[in-house]
Amino acid sequence: MKFKALLVMPIALLLTGCVTSGNFNKLSSRVDALEGRVSSLEQVVYVKGQPSTPESFVVSKMEKTELSKKEIQTALKNAGFYNGPVDGVIGKKTRAAIRAFQKANGVKPDGVIGKKTETLLLKYLK
């Protein structure tokens, strides 16, 4: 009886290891996929001087903007595209104004402040 237990125990451990390695491979590939997603999100640059909140995603990937949220709203207001309060909150109205401004200026209307949009907005801050 002891002999069977000694023989069965390593086989059971070996089989458990095989099952675990299959799960490990699945888990490893999922971790790799998540790391890729996180890496792409880390490339998003936030508005200067603002905490990284979901509203901060108004700026372009891989492009840094020097405009604060209030400056964006002020420029949009001066350009006639935003009529809300200049409170530094990038909400639905501000995003809609950004898209309308972009469309009117021949920029892809994605609601993202990239280099082209920033350059055009800077004209309305002066």
Protein backbone atom coordinates (compact mmCIF):
# COMPACT_ATOMS: atom_id res chain seq x y z
CA MET A 1 0.00 0.00 0.00
CA LYS A 2 2.84 2.40 0.83
CA PHE A 3 4.46 1.56 -2.46
CA LYS A 4 1.31 2.55 -4.39
CA ALA A 5 1.06 5.85 -2.51
CA LEU A 6 4.70 6.61 -3.26
CA LEU A 7 4.12 5.84 -6.91
CA VAL A 8 0.79 7.65 -7.24
CA MET A 9 1.91 10.81 -5.45
CA PRO A 10 4.67 11.84 -7.94
CA ILE A 11 2.42 10.99 -10.90
CA ALA A 12 -0.36 13.15 -9.45
CA LEU A 13 2.08 16.00 -8.86
CA LEU A 14 3.44 15.62 -12.36
CA LEU A 15 -0.06 15.75 -13.87
CA THR A 16 -0.97 18.74 -11.74
CA GLY A 17 2.13 20.48 -13.02
CA CYS A 18 1.06 19.85 -16.62
CA VAL A 19 -2.35 21.35 -16.01
CA THR A 20 -0.77 24.30 -14.24
CA SER A 21 1.67 24.94 -17.09
CA GLY A 22 -1.23 25.12 -19.56
CA ASN A 23 -2.98 27.65 -17.34
CA PHE A 24 0.31 29.50 -16.91
CA ASN A 25 0.69 29.84 -20.68
CA LYS A 26 -2.83 31.23 -20.99
CA LEU A 27 -2.23 33.61 -18.11
CA SER A 28 1.10 34.66 -19.55
CA SER A 29 -0.42 35.53 -22.92
CA ARG A 30 -3.21 37.51 -21.22
CA VAL A 31 -0.63 39.44 -19.17
CA ASP A 32 1.32 40.19 -22.35
CA ALA A 33 -1.84 41.51 -24.01
CA LEU A 34 -2.63 43.70 -21.01
CA GLU A 35 0.92 45.04 -20.91
CA GLY A 36 0.54 46.04 -24.55
CA ARG A 37 -2.69 47.87 -23.82
CA VAL A 38 -1.18 49.63 -20.81
CA SER A 39 1.84 50.62 -22.86
CA SER A 40 -0.36 52.24 -25.50
CA LEU A 41 -2.31 54.09 -22.82
CA GLU A 42 0.91 55.32 -21.23
CA GLN A 43 1.71 57.00 -24.52
CA VAL A 44 -1.25 59.33 -24.07
CA VAL A 45 0.02 62.67 -22.88
CA TYR A 46 -2.09 64.58 -20.40
CA VAL A 47 -2.90 68.27 -20.41
CA LYS A 48 -0.06 70.17 -18.73
CA GLY A 49 -0.53 70.73 -15.00
CA GLN A 50 -3.67 68.64 -14.67
CA PRO A 51 -4.17 65.37 -12.80
CA SER A 52 -4.53 62.26 -14.91
CA THR A 53 -8.29 61.81 -14.92
CA PRO A 54 -10.48 60.51 -17.75
CA GLU A 55 -11.14 64.13 -18.74
CA SER A 56 -7.41 64.50 -19.39
CA PHE A 57 -7.67 62.32 -22.49
CA VAL A 58 -8.42 65.37 -24.58
CA VAL A 59 -4.83 65.61 -25.78
CA SER A 60 -3.19 63.66 -28.53
CA LYS A 61 -1.32 60.43 -28.28
CA MET A 62 2.44 60.95 -28.46
CA GLU A 63 2.07 64.74 -28.75
CA LYS A 64 2.49 67.07 -25.78
CA THR A 65 0.36 70.16 -25.61
CA GLU A 66 1.25 73.30 -23.73
CA LEU A 67 -2.37 74.38 -23.36
CA SER A 68 -4.13 74.02 -20.03
CA LYS A 69 -7.78 73.00 -19.96
CA LYS A 70 -8.85 76.58 -19.23
CA GLU A 71 -6.74 77.86 -22.13
CA ILE A 72 -8.39 75.33 -24.43
CA GLN A 73 -11.82 76.53 -23.34
CA THR A 74 -10.81 80.19 -23.61
CA ALA A 75 -9.45 79.71 -27.14
CA LEU A 76 -12.58 77.82 -28.18
CA LYS A 77 -14.75 80.57 -26.68
CA ASN A 78 -12.73 83.30 -28.46
CA ALA A 79 -13.09 81.35 -31.71
CA GLY A 80 -16.87 81.17 -31.21
CA PHE A 81 -17.15 77.42 -30.71
CA TYR A 82 -17.69 77.21 -26.93
CA ASN A 83 -20.23 79.10 -24.87
CA GLY A 84 -19.92 77.31 -21.54
CA PRO A 85 -18.01 78.40 -18.45
CA VAL A 86 -14.21 78.49 -18.53
CA ASP A 87 -13.84 76.18 -15.56
CA GLY A 88 -11.13 73.79 -16.71
CA VAL A 89 -13.53 70.86 -16.90
CA ILE A 90 -13.34 69.04 -20.22
CA GLY A 91 -16.87 67.71 -20.50
CA LYS A 92 -19.29 66.95 -23.32
CA LYS A 93 -19.69 70.60 -24.36
CA THR A 94 -15.95 71.21 -24.53
CA ARG A 95 -15.33 68.01 -26.48
CA ALA A 96 -18.12 68.91 -28.90
CA ALA A 97 -16.60 72.38 -29.31
CA ILE A 98 -13.18 70.85 -30.00
CA ARG A 99 -14.66 68.60 -32.69
CA ALA A 100 -16.60 71.49 -34.26
CA PHE A 101 -13.47 73.67 -34.22
CA GLN A 102 -11.44 70.91 -35.84
CA LYS A 103 -14.06 70.28 -38.51
CA ALA A 104 -14.28 73.99 -39.33
CA ASN A 105 -10.49 74.18 -39.62
CA GLY A 106 -9.94 71.12 -41.79
CA VAL A 107 -8.54 68.93 -39.02
CA LYS A 108 -9.81 65.41 -38.36
CA PRO A 109 -12.67 66.02 -35.88
CA ASP A 110 -11.63 63.50 -33.23
CA GLY A 111 -11.91 65.75 -30.17
CA VAL A 112 -8.21 65.31 -29.47
CA ILE A 113 -5.87 68.28 -29.08
CA GLY A 114 -2.96 67.38 -31.30
CA LYS A 115 -0.22 69.55 -32.76
CA LYS A 116 -2.40 70.94 -35.58
CA THR A 117 -5.36 71.72 -33.32
CA GLU A 118 -3.08 73.24 -30.69
CA THR A 119 -1.42 75.51 -33.27
CA LEU A 120 -4.81 76.69 -34.50
CA LEU A 121 -6.12 77.26 -30.95
CA LEU A 122 -3.05 79.29 -29.97
CA LYS A 123 -4.12 81.97 -32.46
CA TYR A 124 -7.28 82.55 -30.42
CA LEU A 125 -5.49 82.98 -27.10
CA LYS A 126 -3.77 86.21 -28.11
